[in-house]
C-alpha atoms as a PDB file:
ATOM      1  CA  MET A   1     -17.122   8.153 -32.591  1.00  0.00           C
ATOM      2  CA  SER A   2     -17.735   7.009 -29.012  1.00  0.00           C
ATOM      3  CA  GLU A   3     -19.340   3.837 -30.402  1.00  0.00           C
ATOM      4  CA  GLN A   4     -15.903   2.974 -31.809  1.00  0.00           C
ATOM      5  CA  LEU A   5     -14.138   3.715 -28.521  1.00  0.00           C
ATOM      6  CA  GLU A   6     -13.274   0.577 -26.571  1.00  0.00           C
ATOM      7  CA  ILE A   7     -12.339   1.110 -22.918  1.00  0.00           C
ATOM      8  CA  ARG A   8     -10.843  -1.587 -20.729  1.00  0.00           C
ATOM      9  CA  ILE A   9      -9.658  -1.709 -17.124  1.00  0.00           C
ATOM     10  CA  ALA A  10      -6.413  -3.599 -16.559  1.00  0.00           C
ATOM     11  CA  GLU A  11      -5.846  -4.546 -12.930  1.00  0.00           C
ATOM     12  CA  GLY A  12      -2.336  -4.280 -11.574  1.00  0.00           C
ATOM     13  CA  MET A  13       0.459  -5.314 -13.858  1.00  0.00           C
ATOM     14  CA  THR A  14      -1.737  -7.344 -16.237  1.00  0.00           C
ATOM     15  CA  LEU A  15      -0.801  -5.232 -19.241  1.00  0.00           C
ATOM     16  CA  ASP A  16       0.890  -7.469 -21.775  1.00  0.00           C
ATOM     17  CA  ALA A  17       4.285  -6.403 -23.145  1.00  0.00           C
ATOM     18  CA  ARG A  18       2.862  -4.700 -26.244  1.00  0.00           C
ATOM     19  CA  GLU A  19       0.187  -2.838 -24.317  1.00  0.00           C
ATOM     20  CA  ARG A  20       2.742  -1.725 -21.705  1.00  0.00           C
ATOM     21  CA  GLU A  21       4.969  -0.424 -24.501  1.00  0.00           C
ATOM     22  CA  ASP A  22       2.012   1.397 -26.100  1.00  0.00           C
ATOM     23  CA  VAL A  23       1.105   3.029 -22.752  1.00  0.00           C
ATOM     24  CA  LEU A  24       4.727   4.068 -22.170  1.00  0.00           C
ATOM     25  CA  SER A  25       4.950   5.518 -25.674  1.00  0.00           C
ATOM     26  CA  LEU A  26       1.675   7.436 -25.262  1.00  0.00           C
ATOM     27  CA  CYS A  27       2.663   8.850 -21.849  1.00  0.00           C
ATOM     28  CA  SER A  28       6.207   9.680 -22.993  1.00  0.00           C
ATOM     29  CA  GLN A  29       4.822  11.608 -25.977  1.00  0.00           C
ATOM     30  CA  ALA A  30       2.150  13.373 -23.936  1.00  0.00           C
ATOM     31  CA  TYR A  31       4.515  14.447 -21.150  1.00  0.00           C
ATOM     32  CA  GLU A  32       7.565  14.894 -23.414  1.00  0.00           C
ATOM     33  CA  ILE A  33       9.768  12.779 -21.133  1.00  0.00           C
ATOM     34  CA  ASP A  34      10.871   9.168 -20.889  1.00  0.00           C
ATOM     35  CA  TYR A  35       7.926   7.962 -18.788  1.00  0.00           C
ATOM     36  CA  GLU A  36       9.331   4.498 -18.048  1.00  0.00           C
ATOM     37  CA  PRO A  37      11.241   5.410 -14.832  1.00  0.00           C
ATOM     38  CA  LEU A  38       8.081   7.012 -13.401  1.00  0.00           C
ATOM     39  CA  PHE A  39       5.872   4.196 -14.650  1.00  0.00           C
ATOM     40  CA  ASP A  40       8.016   1.648 -12.853  1.00  0.00           C
ATOM     41  CA  THR A  41       7.364   3.372  -9.483  1.00  0.00           C
ATOM     42  CA  LEU A  42       3.569   3.094  -9.801  1.00  0.00           C
ATOM     43  CA  ASN A  43       3.222  -0.246  -8.047  1.00  0.00           C
ATOM     44  CA  GLY A  44      -0.228  -1.780  -7.856  1.00  0.00           C
ATOM     45  CA  ALA A  45      -1.656   0.547 -10.483  1.00  0.00           C
ATOM     46  CA  THR A  46      -5.013  -0.039 -12.121  1.00  0.00           C
ATOM     47  CA  HIS A  47      -5.025   1.137 -15.727  1.00  0.00           C
ATOM     48  CA  VAL A  48      -7.844   2.409 -17.892  1.00  0.00           C
ATOM     49  CA  VAL A  49      -6.953   2.067 -21.564  1.00  0.00           C
ATOM     50  CA  ALA A  50      -9.017   3.390 -24.461  1.00  0.00           C
ATOM     51  CA  TYR A  51      -8.732   2.160 -28.032  1.00  0.00           C
ATOM     52  CA  TYR A  52     -10.094   3.884 -31.110  1.00  0.00           C
ATOM     53  CA  GLN A  53      -9.990   2.037 -34.419  1.00  0.00           C
ATOM     54  CA  GLY A  54      -7.767  -0.563 -32.788  1.00  0.00           C
ATOM     55  CA  LYS A  55      -5.113   1.895 -31.521  1.00  0.00           C
ATOM     56  CA  LEU A  56      -4.420   3.049 -27.981  1.00  0.00           C
ATOM     57  CA  VAL A  57      -5.565   6.676 -27.864  1.00  0.00           C
ATOM     58  CA  SER A  58      -6.069   7.481 -24.178  1.00  0.00           C
ATOM     59  CA  HIS A  59      -4.949   6.197 -20.793  1.00  0.00           C
ATOM     60  CA  ALA A  60      -5.157   6.887 -17.071  1.00  0.00           C
ATOM     61  CA  LEU A  61      -4.254   4.900 -13.999  1.00  0.00           C
ATOM     62  CA  TRP A  62      -4.746   5.096 -10.277  1.00  0.00           C
ATOM     63  CA  VAL A  63      -2.721   3.901  -7.326  1.00  0.00           C
ATOM     64  CA  THR A  64      -3.671   3.826  -3.664  1.00  0.00           C
ATOM     65  CA  ARG A  65      -2.219   6.704  -1.649  1.00  0.00           C
ATOM     66  CA  TRP A  66      -3.052   7.997   1.806  1.00  0.00           C
ATOM     67  CA  LEU A  67      -3.936  11.712   1.892  1.00  0.00           C
ATOM     68  CA  GLN A  68      -4.349  13.386   5.255  1.00  0.00           C
ATOM     69  CA  CYS A  69      -6.327  16.577   5.791  1.00  0.00           C
ATOM     70  CA  GLY A  70      -4.921  18.432   8.795  1.00  0.00           C
ATOM     71  CA  ASP A  71      -4.808  16.074  11.790  1.00  0.00           C
ATOM     72  CA  ALA A  72      -7.736  13.912  10.640  1.00  0.00           C
ATOM     73  CA  PRO A  73      -7.174  10.215   9.869  1.00  0.00           C
ATOM     74  CA  ALA A  74      -5.532   9.587   6.495  1.00  0.00           C
ATOM     75  CA  LEU A  75      -7.972   8.881   3.676  1.00  0.00           C
ATOM     76  CA  ARG A  76      -7.600   5.914   1.333  1.00  0.00           C
ATOM     77  CA  THR A  77      -7.237   7.782  -1.935  1.00  0.00           C
ATOM     78  CA  ALA A  78      -7.327   6.663  -5.553  1.00  0.00           C
ATOM     79  CA  TYR A  79      -4.527   8.844  -6.851  1.00  0.00           C
ATOM     80  CA  VAL A  80      -4.810   9.312 -10.614  1.00  0.00           C
ATOM     81  CA  GLU A  81      -1.655   9.461 -12.716  1.00  0.00           C
ATOM     82  CA  ALA A  82      -0.517   9.162 -16.328  1.00  0.00           C
ATOM     83  CA  VAL A  83      -3.605  10.695 -17.918  1.00  0.00           C
ATOM     84  CA  ALA A  84      -2.648  10.948 -21.570  1.00  0.00           C
ATOM     85  CA  THR A  85      -4.363  11.175 -24.930  1.00  0.00           C
ATOM     86  CA  HIS A  86      -2.659  10.913 -28.308  1.00  0.00           C
ATOM     87  CA  ALA A  87      -2.140  14.385 -29.798  1.00  0.00           C
ATOM     88  CA  ALA A  88      -3.907  13.475 -33.049  1.00  0.00           C
ATOM     89  CA  VAL A  89      -7.199  12.720 -31.270  1.00  0.00           C
ATOM     90  CA  ARG A  90      -7.320  15.295 -28.497  1.00  0.00           C
ATOM     91  CA  ARG A  91     -10.562  17.202 -27.953  1.00  0.00           C
ATOM     92  CA  MET A  92     -12.619  14.240 -29.177  1.00  0.00           C
ATOM     93  CA  GLY A  93     -13.873  13.243 -25.717  1.00  0.00           C
ATOM     94  CA  PHE A  94     -11.581  10.267 -25.185  1.00  0.00           C
ATOM     95  CA  ALA A  95      -9.940  11.558 -21.988  1.00  0.00           C
ATOM     96  CA  THR A  96     -13.381  12.515 -20.669  1.00  0.00           C
ATOM     97  CA  ALA A  97     -14.622   8.982 -21.339  1.00  0.00           C
ATOM     98  CA  VAL A  98     -11.558   7.495 -19.613  1.00  0.00           C
ATOM     99  CA  MET A  99     -11.971   9.774 -16.587  1.00  0.00           C
ATOM    100  CA  HIS A 100     -15.663   8.814 -16.308  1.00  0.00           C
ATOM    101  CA  VAL A 101     -14.595   5.160 -16.127  1.00  0.00           C
ATOM    102  CA  VAL A 102     -11.985   6.067 -13.498  1.00  0.00           C
ATOM    103  CA  ALA A 103     -14.577   7.930 -11.399  1.00  0.00           C
ATOM    104  CA  ASP A 104     -17.068   5.055 -11.658  1.00  0.00           C
ATOM    105  CA  SER A 105     -14.351   2.551 -10.686  1.00  0.00           C
ATOM    106  CA  ILE A 106     -12.996   4.249  -7.560  1.00  0.00           C
ATOM    107  CA  LEU A 107     -16.239   4.568  -5.588  1.00  0.00           C
ATOM    108  CA  ASP A 108     -14.926   2.291  -2.808  1.00  0.00           C
ATOM    109  CA  PHE A 109     -12.157   4.783  -2.011  1.00  0.00           C
ATOM    110  CA  GLU A 110     -12.597   7.670   0.396  1.00  0.00           C
ATOM    111  CA  LEU A 111     -11.227  10.256  -2.027  1.00  0.00           C
ATOM    112  CA  GLY A 112      -9.910  10.758  -5.541  1.00  0.00           C
ATOM    113  CA  GLY A 113      -6.758  12.811  -6.026  1.00  0.00           C
ATOM    114  CA  LEU A 114      -4.455  13.988  -8.789  1.00  0.00           C
ATOM    115  CA  CYS A 115      -1.891  16.616  -9.676  1.00  0.00           C
ATOM    116  CA  PRO A 116      -3.101  18.201 -12.929  1.00  0.00           C
ATOM    117  CA  ALA A 117      -0.888  19.314 -15.778  1.00  0.00           C
ATOM    118  CA  GLU A 118      -3.975  21.055 -17.257  1.00  0.00           C
ATOM    119  CA  ALA A 119      -7.035  21.524 -15.036  1.00  0.00           C
ATOM    120  CA  SER A 120      -9.933  22.281 -17.395  1.00  0.00           C
ATOM    121  CA  LEU A 121     -10.835  18.612 -18.054  1.00  0.00           C
ATOM    122  CA  TYR A 122     -10.949  17.785 -14.356  1.00  0.00           C
ATOM    123  CA  LEU A 123     -12.872  20.921 -13.377  1.00  0.00           C
ATOM    124  CA  ARG A 124     -15.568  19.983 -15.918  1.00  0.00           C
ATOM    125  CA  LEU A 125     -15.772  16.531 -14.311  1.00  0.00           C
ATOM    126  CA  GLY A 126     -16.274  17.796 -10.746  1.00  0.00           C
ATOM    127  CA  TRP A 127     -12.718  17.770  -9.413  1.00  0.00           C
ATOM    128  CA  GLU A 128     -11.791  20.599  -7.027  1.00  0.00           C
ATOM    129  CA  PHE A 129      -8.492  22.291  -6.244  1.00  0.00           C
ATOM    130  CA  TRP A 130      -7.129  21.828  -2.741  1.00  0.00           C
ATOM    131  CA  ARG A 131      -6.596  25.385  -1.472  1.00  0.00           C
ATOM    132  CA  GLY A 132      -4.553  24.707   1.659  1.00  0.00           C
ATOM    133  CA  PRO A 133      -0.826  24.053   1.904  1.00  0.00           C
ATOM    134  CA  LEU A 134       0.518  20.759   0.573  1.00  0.00           C
ATOM    135  CA  ALA A 135       3.147  18.520   2.139  1.00  0.00           C
ATOM    136  CA  ILE A 136       4.767  15.104   2.000  1.00  0.00           C
ATOM    137  CA  ARG A 137       4.988  12.890   5.086  1.00  0.00           C
ATOM    138  CA  THR A 138       8.346  11.163   5.494  1.00  0.00           C
ATOM    139  CA  PRO A 139       9.324   8.886   8.384  1.00  0.00           C
ATOM    140  CA  ASN A 140      11.208  11.805   9.955  1.00  0.00           C
ATOM    141  CA  ALA A 141       9.324  14.966   8.992  1.00  0.00           C
ATOM    142  CA  ILE A 142       6.515  16.641   7.111  1.00  0.00           C
ATOM    143  CA  LEU A 143       8.051  18.468   4.162  1.00  0.00           C
ATOM    144  CA  PRO A 144       6.237  21.256   2.308  1.00  0.00           C
ATOM    145  CA  THR A 145       5.863  20.695  -1.417  1.00  0.00           C
ATOM    146  CA  PRO A 146       7.023  23.353  -3.888  1.00  0.00           C
ATOM    147  CA  GLU A 147       4.581  26.262  -4.160  1.00  0.00           C
ATOM    148  CA  GLU A 148       3.796  25.483  -7.800  1.00  0.00           C
ATOM    149  CA  ALA A 149       2.494  22.014  -6.863  1.00  0.00           C
ATOM    150  CA  ARG A 150      -1.280  21.724  -7.106  1.00  0.00           C
ATOM    151  CA  VAL A 151      -3.607  18.924  -6.102  1.00  0.00           C
ATOM    152  CA  MET A 152      -7.190  18.321  -7.110  1.00  0.00           C
ATOM    153  CA  ILE A 153      -9.612  16.073  -5.275  1.00  0.00           C
ATOM    154  CA  LEU A 154     -12.788  14.277  -6.278  1.00  0.00           C
ATOM    155  CA  ARG A 155     -15.354  13.742  -3.549  1.00  0.00           C
ATOM    156  CA  LEU A 156     -16.695  10.203  -3.525  1.00  0.00           C
ATOM    157  CA  PRO A 157     -19.592   8.565  -1.617  1.00  0.00           C
ATOM    158  CA  LYS A 158     -17.241   7.702   1.286  1.00  0.00           C
ATOM    159  CA  THR A 159     -15.583  11.137   1.453  1.00  0.00           C
ATOM    160  CA  PRO A 160     -16.019  12.724   4.884  1.00  0.00           C
ATOM    161  CA  PRO A 161     -16.628  16.479   5.210  1.00  0.00           C
ATOM    162  CA  LEU A 162     -13.444  18.284   4.151  1.00  0.00           C
ATOM    163  CA  ASP A 163     -12.052  21.766   4.725  1.00  0.00           C
ATOM    164  CA  LEU A 164     -10.103  22.454   1.523  1.00  0.00           C
ATOM    165  CA  ASP A 165      -8.172  25.251   3.251  1.00  0.00           C
ATOM    166  CA  LEU A 166      -6.485  22.938   5.800  1.00  0.00           C
ATOM    167  CA  PRO A 167      -3.062  21.414   5.106  1.00  0.00           C
ATOM    168  CA  LEU A 168      -3.082  18.270   2.964  1.00  0.00           C
ATOM    169  CA  SER A 169      -0.258  15.746   3.119  1.00  0.00           C
ATOM    170  CA  ALA A 170       0.564  12.517   1.316  1.00  0.00           C
ATOM    171  CA  GLU A 171       2.975   9.762   2.265  1.00  0.00           C
ATOM    172  CA  TRP A 172       6.387   9.957   0.653  1.00  0.00           C
ATOM    173  CA  ARG A 173       6.997   7.683  -2.298  1.00  0.00           C
ATOM    174  CA  GLU A 174       9.806   7.205  -4.741  1.00  0.00           C
END
């Protein structure tokens, strides 16, 4: 089946109208929400789209975020969002293939990051849970995130030594 899987990287907002609609439909179905308001906040995203038998079956994107471990300098992070696979073709390796392309494409970043809905895929691919407290940096304060929030990181060639038990913060975004 993987020989019939076509994967493409779409830089920035180069998705055409039909492809954008297909991605929104896939993500809305996968997350059981209207994904368009969230999608519209992901400025500068790079998309990975996977087609099987001519239909969009899996998707992921990354945006640049700045994660800071303790008081160390903030790390340029490829933050992965909108990982979705059509329900009819789950467990066929499509999301794994997409995430391999993501990992191979973000090697110039200092870190990979994501907030998993389901962790097993990412654990199999080498992602690790951040164990320390999580927070958001605003212009006026550092705000703790809700306790149920979880972040996973992927160490990349440029990742410095990290203590996963230290606080981790990200810049605020809409």
